[in-house]
Amino acid sequence: MSSAGLCRPTAGTAFTFFSNPVLVGTHPQITVSVAVPNFPKPTGKVKICDGKKKVLLTTTLKGKNNGVKTIRLPVLKRGAHKIKVVYLGAPRITGSKAAAQTPTVVK
């Protein structure tokens, strides 16, 4: 058996903000999309971070949602934020990161 049969597919992860800029005092919302070749219904954990270390939340992607989930983030302080989304993978899927986005929270 070749080692190619043992490889796990790698996910592609992306996200979009419902609005940018975000009004101060409101909960920003994002839609996360995880696509995996030959896995129409990926599952696993998704982590959302603000900057390098601050984890805003971790949530679970369920198969019934076909790799898409809308997430309500905590209220963010005024200013620019570097939001990162990381799909942590699943037993048969390698995780991935989406490109960071920088929404601005304004008055």
Protein backbone atom coordinates (compact mmCIF):
# COMPACT_ATOMS: atom_id res chain seq x y z
CA MET A 1 0.00 0.00 0.00
CA SER A 2 1.38 3.41 -0.91
CA SER A 3 1.75 6.22 1.61
CA ALA A 4 -0.57 8.37 -0.56
CA GLY A 5 -3.52 6.33 0.73
CA LEU A 6 -2.68 7.44 4.28
CA CYS A 7 -2.70 11.20 3.65
CA ARG A 8 -5.39 13.31 5.24
CA PRO A 9 -7.01 15.98 3.06
CA THR A 10 -6.35 19.56 4.07
CA ALA A 11 -9.25 21.90 4.69
CA GLY A 12 -9.64 25.34 3.16
CA THR A 13 -10.93 27.90 5.67
CA ALA A 14 -12.41 31.36 5.01
CA PHE A 15 -14.60 33.85 6.83
CA THR A 16 -16.47 37.08 6.20
CA PHE A 17 -17.81 39.81 8.46
CA PHE A 18 -21.47 40.79 8.22
CA SER A 19 -20.37 44.43 8.47
CA ASN A 20 -17.11 46.38 8.60
CA PRO A 21 -16.76 48.80 10.28
CA VAL A 22 -18.40 47.40 13.41
CA LEU A 23 -20.30 49.72 15.73
CA VAL A 24 -18.94 49.99 19.27
CA GLY A 25 -21.04 48.05 21.78
CA THR A 26 -22.35 45.57 19.20
CA HIS A 27 -21.50 41.92 18.66
CA PRO A 28 -19.77 41.46 15.30
CA GLN A 29 -20.93 38.45 13.33
CA ILE A 30 -18.89 36.33 10.96
CA THR A 31 -19.67 33.45 8.67
CA VAL A 32 -17.00 30.74 8.66
CA SER A 33 -16.69 28.32 5.72
CA VAL A 34 -14.62 25.14 5.78
CA ALA A 35 -14.22 23.18 2.56
CA VAL A 36 -12.52 19.80 2.31
CA PRO A 37 -12.09 17.77 -0.89
CA ASN A 38 -14.33 14.68 -0.78
CA PHE A 39 -15.82 15.69 2.62
CA PRO A 40 -19.07 17.59 1.95
CA LYS A 41 -19.90 17.84 5.67
CA PRO A 42 -16.72 18.59 7.65
CA THR A 43 -16.85 18.62 11.45
CA GLY A 44 -14.43 19.78 14.11
CA LYS A 45 -13.45 22.73 16.26
CA VAL A 46 -13.02 26.30 15.02
CA LYS A 47 -11.03 28.84 17.04
CA ILE A 48 -11.43 32.61 16.61
CA CYS A 49 -8.61 34.86 17.85
CA ASP A 50 -8.01 38.59 18.16
CA GLY A 51 -4.32 39.24 17.58
CA LYS A 52 -1.62 36.67 18.28
CA LYS A 53 -2.79 35.28 21.62
CA LYS A 54 -6.29 36.37 22.65
CA VAL A 55 -8.80 33.59 21.96
CA LEU A 56 -12.27 35.09 21.55
CA LEU A 57 -14.03 31.74 21.39
CA THR A 58 -13.91 28.15 20.24
CA THR A 59 -16.93 26.53 18.65
CA THR A 60 -17.84 23.24 16.99
CA LEU A 61 -18.59 22.84 13.30
CA LYS A 62 -21.36 20.26 12.82
CA GLY A 63 -21.73 18.14 9.72
CA LYS A 64 -25.38 19.09 9.18
CA ASN A 65 -24.26 22.66 8.33
CA ASN A 66 -22.12 21.57 5.36
CA GLY A 67 -19.00 23.33 6.63
CA VAL A 68 -20.64 26.73 7.19
CA LYS A 69 -21.40 28.42 10.51
CA THR A 70 -22.47 31.93 11.51
CA ILE A 71 -20.81 33.03 14.75
CA ARG A 72 -21.62 35.96 17.03
CA LEU A 73 -18.38 37.32 18.48
CA PRO A 74 -18.02 39.06 21.84
CA VAL A 75 -18.18 42.86 21.90
CA LEU A 76 -14.81 44.29 20.81
CA LYS A 77 -13.17 47.48 22.07
CA ARG A 78 -12.99 50.52 19.83
CA GLY A 79 -10.18 50.45 17.25
CA ALA A 80 -8.69 47.97 14.77
CA HIS A 81 -8.58 44.24 15.52
CA LYS A 82 -6.70 41.47 13.71
CA ILE A 83 -9.21 38.60 13.65
CA LYS A 84 -7.97 35.11 12.78
CA VAL A 85 -10.00 31.94 12.24
CA VAL A 86 -8.39 28.52 12.61
CA TYR A 87 -10.08 25.23 11.76
CA LEU A 88 -8.43 22.71 14.08
CA GLY A 89 -9.20 19.73 11.89
CA ALA A 90 -10.80 16.37 12.60
CA PRO A 91 -9.51 12.80 12.87
CA ARG A 92 -9.42 12.41 9.08
CA ILE A 93 -8.95 16.09 8.08
CA THR A 94 -5.92 18.37 8.44
CA GLY A 95 -6.77 21.79 9.87
CA SER A 96 -6.13 25.17 8.26
CA LYS A 97 -6.12 28.92 8.86
CA ALA A 98 -8.08 31.61 7.08
CA ALA A 99 -6.36 34.82 6.05
CA ALA A 100 -6.60 37.35 8.90
CA GLN A 101 -8.99 40.27 8.57
CA THR A 102 -8.83 43.65 10.30
CA PRO A 103 -12.25 45.07 11.14
CA THR A 104 -12.47 48.47 12.80
CA VAL A 105 -14.79 49.15 15.71
CA VAL A 106 -16.15 52.71 15.55
CA LYS A 107 -18.55 54.95 17.47
